[in-house]
Amino acid sequence: MEHLAWPSIGLYCVFSVFVNYQQLHASNFHGASEAFGFFLNIFAFAGMVIGLSYLVYYGWKVVWWAPFVIFVLGILSFVPGLFLERIFGKNALSLLGFIVWPICAYYMFMLVPA
């Protein structure tokens, strides 16, 4: 377990929760603004690409098996996400994701051990 950088992995888990809510919001979007719907879809797709890129990068830079563990931890992070959903709501988490997940993405890449 010495190959797992827990701060980076924790940020990936937070990142995963917010990207998931943006993807959910984009798939169920029925708003009046087509521009916002397009922006939401672009952001959700970018989050998915960045998440996959992080897993590949982590496996390349650190150790090949770590992305599998990180991916499972990212899936398990949806349990706390359900509690956040009850408090704030799905749409609020999606909108908050426009701020939170880019910050998480930056720091999760920066904290990958070299």
N, C-alpha and C. Protein backbone atom coordinates (compact mmCIF):
# COMPACT_ATOMS: atom_id res chain seq x y z
N MET A 1 0.81 -1.20 0.00
CA MET A 1 0.00 0.00 0.00
C MET A 1 0.85 1.27 0.00
N GLU A 2 2.15 1.10 -0.07
CA GLU A 2 3.03 2.26 -0.08
C GLU A 2 2.95 3.03 -1.40
N HIS A 3 2.35 2.44 -2.42
CA HIS A 3 2.25 3.08 -3.73
C HIS A 3 1.00 3.95 -3.85
N LEU A 4 0.18 3.97 -2.83
CA LEU A 4 -1.06 4.74 -2.90
C LEU A 4 -0.88 6.09 -2.22
N ALA A 5 -1.01 7.14 -3.00
CA ALA A 5 -0.91 8.51 -2.47
C ALA A 5 -2.31 8.93 -2.03
N TRP A 6 -2.58 8.81 -0.74
CA TRP A 6 -3.94 9.00 -0.23
C TRP A 6 -4.51 10.40 -0.46
N PRO A 7 -3.74 11.48 -0.38
CA PRO A 7 -4.34 12.79 -0.70
C PRO A 7 -4.82 12.86 -2.15
N SER A 8 -4.05 12.34 -3.06
CA SER A 8 -4.44 12.33 -4.47
C SER A 8 -5.66 11.46 -4.70
N ILE A 9 -5.69 10.32 -4.05
CA ILE A 9 -6.82 9.39 -4.20
C ILE A 9 -8.08 9.98 -3.58
N GLY A 10 -7.95 10.65 -2.44
CA GLY A 10 -9.10 11.30 -1.82
C GLY A 10 -9.69 12.37 -2.72
N LEU A 11 -8.82 13.14 -3.37
CA LEU A 11 -9.31 14.15 -4.30
C LEU A 11 -9.97 13.50 -5.51
N TYR A 12 -9.46 12.35 -5.95
CA TYR A 12 -10.11 11.63 -7.05
C TYR A 12 -11.52 11.20 -6.65
N CYS A 13 -11.69 10.77 -5.42
CA CYS A 13 -13.01 10.35 -4.95
C CYS A 13 -13.99 11.52 -4.94
N VAL A 14 -13.55 12.67 -4.46
CA VAL A 14 -14.40 13.87 -4.48
C VAL A 14 -14.70 14.25 -5.93
N PHE A 15 -13.68 14.23 -6.76
CA PHE A 15 -13.83 14.51 -8.19
C PHE A 15 -14.88 13.60 -8.81
N SER A 16 -14.82 12.31 -8.51
CA SER A 16 -15.74 11.33 -9.07
C SER A 16 -17.18 11.61 -8.70
N VAL A 17 -17.40 12.02 -7.47
CA VAL A 17 -18.76 12.31 -7.02
C VAL A 17 -19.35 13.47 -7.82
N PHE A 18 -18.60 14.54 -7.97
CA PHE A 18 -19.13 15.71 -8.66
C PHE A 18 -19.28 15.49 -10.16
N VAL A 19 -18.37 14.74 -10.77
CA VAL A 19 -18.51 14.42 -12.19
C VAL A 19 -19.73 13.53 -12.40
N ASN A 20 -19.95 12.60 -11.48
CA ASN A 20 -21.12 11.73 -11.59
C ASN A 20 -22.41 12.54 -11.55
N TYR A 21 -22.50 13.51 -10.67
CA TYR A 21 -23.73 14.31 -10.59
C TYR A 21 -23.88 15.21 -11.81
N GLN A 22 -22.79 15.64 -12.41
CA GLN A 22 -22.90 16.41 -13.65
C GLN A 22 -23.36 15.51 -14.80
N GLN A 23 -22.87 14.29 -14.86
CA GLN A 23 -23.32 13.36 -15.89
C GLN A 23 -24.79 13.03 -15.72
N LEU A 24 -25.21 12.84 -14.48
CA LEU A 24 -26.61 12.57 -14.19
C LEU A 24 -27.49 13.75 -14.59
N HIS A 25 -27.06 14.95 -14.26
CA HIS A 25 -27.79 16.16 -14.60
C HIS A 25 -27.85 16.34 -16.12
N ALA A 26 -26.76 16.07 -16.81
CA ALA A 26 -26.72 16.22 -18.27
C ALA A 26 -27.65 15.22 -18.95
N SER A 27 -27.71 14.01 -18.43
CA SER A 27 -28.57 13.00 -19.06
C SER A 27 -30.05 13.26 -18.81
N ASN A 28 -30.37 13.97 -17.73
CA ASN A 28 -31.77 14.27 -17.40
C ASN A 28 -32.11 15.74 -17.57
N PHE A 29 -31.30 16.46 -18.34
CA PHE A 29 -31.48 17.90 -18.46
C PHE A 29 -32.71 18.21 -19.32
N HIS A 30 -33.61 19.00 -18.75
CA HIS A 30 -34.82 19.44 -19.45
C HIS A 30 -34.99 20.94 -19.32
N GLY A 31 -33.90 21.65 -19.25
CA GLY A 31 -33.96 23.09 -19.05
C GLY A 31 -34.28 23.84 -20.33
N ALA A 32 -34.55 25.10 -20.16
CA ALA A 32 -34.92 25.94 -21.30
C ALA A 32 -33.69 26.42 -22.06
N SER A 33 -32.54 26.45 -21.42
CA SER A 33 -31.34 26.98 -22.04
C SER A 33 -30.54 25.87 -22.72
N GLU A 34 -30.55 25.90 -24.05
CA GLU A 34 -29.77 24.91 -24.78
C GLU A 34 -28.28 25.15 -24.60
N ALA A 35 -27.89 26.40 -24.43
CA ALA A 35 -26.48 26.72 -24.23
C ALA A 35 -25.97 26.11 -22.92
N PHE A 36 -26.77 26.22 -21.85
CA PHE A 36 -26.35 25.63 -20.58
C PHE A 36 -26.31 24.11 -20.70
N GLY A 37 -27.27 23.51 -21.38
CA GLY A 37 -27.27 22.07 -21.58
C GLY A 37 -26.04 21.60 -22.33
N PHE A 38 -25.65 22.36 -23.35
CA PHE A 38 -24.44 22.04 -24.11
C PHE A 38 -23.20 22.16 -23.23
N PHE A 39 -23.12 23.24 -22.46
CA PHE A 39 -22.00 23.47 -21.55
C PHE A 39 -21.91 22.36 -20.50
N LEU A 40 -23.06 21.94 -19.98
CA LEU A 40 -23.11 20.87 -18.99
C LEU A 40 -22.62 19.56 -19.60
N ASN A 41 -23.04 19.27 -20.82
CA ASN A 41 -22.58 18.04 -21.50
C ASN A 41 -21.08 18.07 -21.76
N ILE A 42 -20.57 19.21 -22.17
CA ILE A 42 -19.13 19.34 -22.42
C ILE A 42 -18.36 19.12 -21.12
N PHE A 43 -18.83 19.74 -20.05
CA PHE A 43 -18.15 19.61 -18.76
C PHE A 43 -18.21 18.17 -18.25
N ALA A 44 -19.35 17.50 -18.39
CA ALA A 44 -19.48 16.12 -17.94
C ALA A 44 -18.57 15.20 -18.74
N PHE A 45 -18.49 15.43 -20.06
CA PHE A 45 -17.61 14.62 -20.90
C PHE A 45 -16.14 14.88 -20.55
N ALA A 46 -15.80 16.14 -20.35
CA ALA A 46 -14.42 16.48 -19.97
C ALA A 46 -14.05 15.83 -18.64
N GLY A 47 -14.98 15.81 -17.70
CA GLY A 47 -14.72 15.16 -16.41
C GLY A 47 -14.44 13.68 -16.56
N MET A 48 -15.20 13.03 -17.45
CA MET A 48 -14.98 11.61 -17.68
C MET A 48 -13.60 11.37 -18.30
N VAL A 49 -13.23 12.19 -19.28
CA VAL A 49 -11.93 12.04 -19.93
C VAL A 49 -10.80 12.31 -18.95
N ILE A 50 -10.94 13.33 -18.13
CA ILE A 50 -9.91 13.66 -17.15
C ILE A 50 -9.78 12.55 -16.11
N GLY A 51 -10.91 11.98 -15.66
CA GLY A 51 -10.86 10.89 -14.71
C GLY A 51 -10.14 9.67 -15.26
N LEU A 52 -10.44 9.30 -16.50
CA LEU A 52 -9.75 8.17 -17.13
C LEU A 52 -8.27 8.49 -17.35
N SER A 53 -7.98 9.73 -17.73
CA SER A 53 -6.59 10.13 -17.92
C SER A 53 -5.80 10.04 -16.62
N TYR A 54 -6.45 10.42 -15.52
CA TYR A 54 -5.79 10.33 -14.21
C TYR A 54 -5.43 8.89 -13.88
N LEU A 55 -6.37 7.98 -14.12
CA LEU A 55 -6.10 6.57 -13.81
C LEU A 55 -4.95 6.03 -14.65
N VAL A 56 -4.93 6.37 -15.93
CA VAL A 56 -3.84 5.92 -16.80
C VAL A 56 -2.51 6.54 -16.35
N TYR A 57 -2.54 7.83 -16.06
CA TYR A 57 -1.33 8.53 -15.63
C TYR A 57 -0.80 7.95 -14.32
N TYR A 58 -1.68 7.68 -13.37
CA TYR A 58 -1.27 7.12 -12.09
C TYR A 58 -0.63 5.74 -12.30
N GLY A 59 -1.27 4.94 -13.14
CA GLY A 59 -0.73 3.62 -13.42
C GLY A 59 0.61 3.68 -14.13
N TRP A 60 0.78 4.67 -14.98
CA TRP A 60 2.04 4.82 -15.73
C TRP A 60 3.17 5.33 -14.83
N LYS A 61 2.86 6.31 -13.99
CA LYS A 61 3.89 6.95 -13.16
C LYS A 61 4.21 6.18 -11.88
N VAL A 62 3.24 5.49 -11.30
CA VAL A 62 3.45 4.90 -9.98
C VAL A 62 3.55 3.38 -10.08
N VAL A 63 2.45 2.72 -10.27
CA VAL A 63 2.45 1.25 -10.37
C VAL A 63 1.20 0.83 -11.14
N TRP A 64 1.29 -0.20 -11.92
CA TRP A 64 0.24 -0.57 -12.86
C TRP A 64 -1.07 -0.98 -12.20
N TRP A 65 -1.02 -1.57 -11.02
CA TRP A 65 -2.24 -2.09 -10.39
C TRP A 65 -3.01 -1.04 -9.59
N ALA A 66 -2.40 0.07 -9.28
CA ALA A 66 -3.04 1.09 -8.44
C ALA A 66 -4.31 1.68 -9.05
N PRO A 67 -4.40 1.89 -10.36
CA PRO A 67 -5.65 2.45 -10.89
C PRO A 67 -6.88 1.59 -10.63
N PHE A 68 -6.70 0.27 -10.54
CA PHE A 68 -7.83 -0.59 -10.26
C PHE A 68 -8.35 -0.35 -8.84
N VAL A 69 -7.43 -0.21 -7.90
CA VAL A 69 -7.81 0.08 -6.51
C VAL A 69 -8.45 1.47 -6.42
N ILE A 70 -7.86 2.45 -7.11
CA ILE A 70 -8.38 3.81 -7.08
C ILE A 70 -9.77 3.87 -7.70
N PHE A 71 -9.98 3.14 -8.79
CA PHE A 71 -11.29 3.11 -9.44
C PHE A 71 -12.35 2.55 -8.50
N VAL A 72 -12.03 1.48 -7.80
CA VAL A 72 -12.98 0.89 -6.84
C VAL A 72 -13.27 1.87 -5.71
N LEU A 73 -12.25 2.55 -5.21
CA LEU A 73 -12.46 3.56 -4.16
C LEU A 73 -13.32 4.71 -4.68
N GLY A 74 -13.14 5.07 -5.95
CA GLY A 74 -13.97 6.11 -6.55
C GLY A 74 -15.43 5.69 -6.61
N ILE A 75 -15.69 4.43 -6.91
CA ILE A 75 -17.07 3.92 -6.93
C ILE A 75 -17.64 3.93 -5.52
N LEU A 76 -16.85 3.51 -4.55
CA LEU A 76 -17.32 3.49 -3.16
C LEU A 76 -17.56 4.89 -2.60
N SER A 77 -16.95 5.90 -3.21
CA SER A 77 -17.15 7.27 -2.73
C SER A 77 -18.55 7.78 -3.00
N PHE A 78 -19.35 7.05 -3.76
CA PHE A 78 -20.72 7.49 -4.01
C PHE A 78 -21.61 7.30 -2.80
N VAL A 79 -21.18 6.49 -1.85
CA VAL A 79 -21.97 6.34 -0.62
C VAL A 79 -22.01 7.66 0.15
N PRO A 80 -20.87 8.31 0.42
CA PRO A 80 -20.96 9.65 1.03
C PRO A 80 -21.65 10.66 0.12
N GLY A 81 -21.52 10.45 -1.19
CA GLY A 81 -22.19 11.33 -2.14
C GLY A 81 -23.70 11.30 -1.99
N LEU A 82 -24.24 10.14 -1.61
CA LEU A 82 -25.69 10.04 -1.39
C LEU A 82 -26.13 10.89 -0.20
N PHE A 83 -25.29 10.97 0.81
CA PHE A 83 -25.62 11.82 1.96
C PHE A 83 -25.59 13.29 1.55
N LEU A 84 -24.60 13.67 0.75
CA LEU A 84 -24.55 15.04 0.24
C LEU A 84 -25.77 15.35 -0.62
N GLU A 85 -26.21 14.36 -1.39
CA GLU A 85 -27.39 14.54 -2.24
C GLU A 85 -28.63 14.81 -1.41
N ARG A 86 -28.76 14.12 -0.29
CA ARG A 86 -29.93 14.35 0.59
C ARG A 86 -29.91 15.75 1.19
N ILE A 87 -28.72 16.26 1.46
CA ILE A 87 -28.61 17.58 2.08
C ILE A 87 -28.79 18.69 1.05
N PHE A 88 -28.08 18.58 -0.08
CA PHE A 88 -28.03 19.69 -1.04
C PHE A 88 -28.89 19.48 -2.27
N GLY A 89 -29.13 18.24 -2.67
CA GLY A 89 -29.88 17.96 -3.89
C GLY A 89 -28.96 17.68 -5.06
N LYS A 90 -29.49 16.97 -6.05
CA LYS A 90 -28.69 16.57 -7.21
C LYS A 90 -28.23 17.76 -8.03
N ASN A 91 -29.15 18.67 -8.31
CA ASN A 91 -28.80 19.80 -9.17
C ASN A 91 -27.78 20.73 -8.51
N ALA A 92 -27.88 20.89 -7.22
CA ALA A 92 -26.92 21.75 -6.51
C ALA A 92 -25.52 21.13 -6.57
N LEU A 93 -25.43 19.81 -6.42
CA LEU A 93 -24.13 19.15 -6.52
C LEU A 93 -23.58 19.25 -7.93
N SER A 94 -24.46 19.17 -8.91
CA SER A 94 -24.03 19.31 -10.30
C SER A 94 -23.48 20.71 -10.55
N LEU A 95 -24.18 21.72 -10.09
CA LEU A 95 -23.74 23.10 -10.29
C LEU A 95 -22.47 23.40 -9.51
N LEU A 96 -22.37 22.86 -8.31
CA LEU A 96 -21.16 23.03 -7.51
C LEU A 96 -19.96 22.34 -8.17
N GLY A 97 -20.26 21.31 -8.95
CA GLY A 97 -19.20 20.60 -9.66
C GLY A 97 -18.43 21.46 -10.64
N PHE A 98 -19.05 22.53 -11.16
CA PHE A 98 -18.34 23.42 -12.08
C PHE A 98 -17.14 24.08 -11.40
N ILE A 99 -17.20 24.20 -10.09
CA ILE A 99 -16.10 24.80 -9.34
C ILE A 99 -15.21 23.72 -8.71
N VAL A 100 -15.85 22.71 -8.12
CA VAL A 100 -15.12 21.75 -7.30
C VAL A 100 -14.26 20.79 -8.12
N TRP A 101 -14.83 20.16 -9.15
CA TRP A 101 -14.04 19.13 -9.80
C TRP A 101 -12.83 19.65 -10.57
N PRO A 102 -12.84 20.85 -11.17
CA PRO A 102 -11.58 21.32 -11.78
C PRO A 102 -10.47 21.53 -10.75
N ILE A 103 -10.85 22.02 -9.57
CA ILE A 103 -9.86 22.20 -8.51
C ILE A 103 -9.32 20.85 -8.05
N CYS A 104 -10.22 19.90 -7.86
CA CYS A 104 -9.80 18.55 -7.46
C CYS A 104 -8.91 17.93 -8.53
N ALA A 105 -9.27 18.12 -9.80
CA ALA A 105 -8.48 17.55 -10.89
C ALA A 105 -7.06 18.09 -10.89
N TYR A 106 -6.92 19.37 -10.71
CA TYR A 106 -5.59 19.98 -10.69
C TYR A 106 -4.74 19.37 -9.57
N TYR A 107 -5.30 19.34 -8.37
CA TYR A 107 -4.51 18.87 -7.22
C TYR A 107 -4.32 17.37 -7.22
N MET A 108 -5.26 16.60 -7.75
CA MET A 108 -5.04 15.15 -7.76
C MET A 108 -3.91 14.79 -8.71
N PHE A 109 -3.75 15.53 -9.81
CA PHE A 109 -2.61 15.30 -10.70
C PHE A 109 -1.31 15.77 -10.06
N MET A 110 -1.38 16.90 -9.36
CA MET A 110 -0.18 17.45 -8.74
C MET A 110 0.35 16.57 -7.59
N LEU A 111 -0.53 15.83 -6.95
CA LEU A 111 -0.15 15.02 -5.80
C LEU A 111 0.21 13.58 -6.15
N VAL A 112 0.21 13.24 -7.44
CA VAL A 112 0.66 11.90 -7.84
C VAL A 112 2.15 11.81 -7.58
N PRO A 113 2.59 10.77 -6.85
CA PRO A 113 4.02 10.65 -6.59
C PRO A 113 4.81 10.42 -7.88
N ALA A 114 5.96 11.03 -7.95
CA ALA A 114 6.79 10.91 -9.18
C ALA A 114 7.76 9.75 -9.10
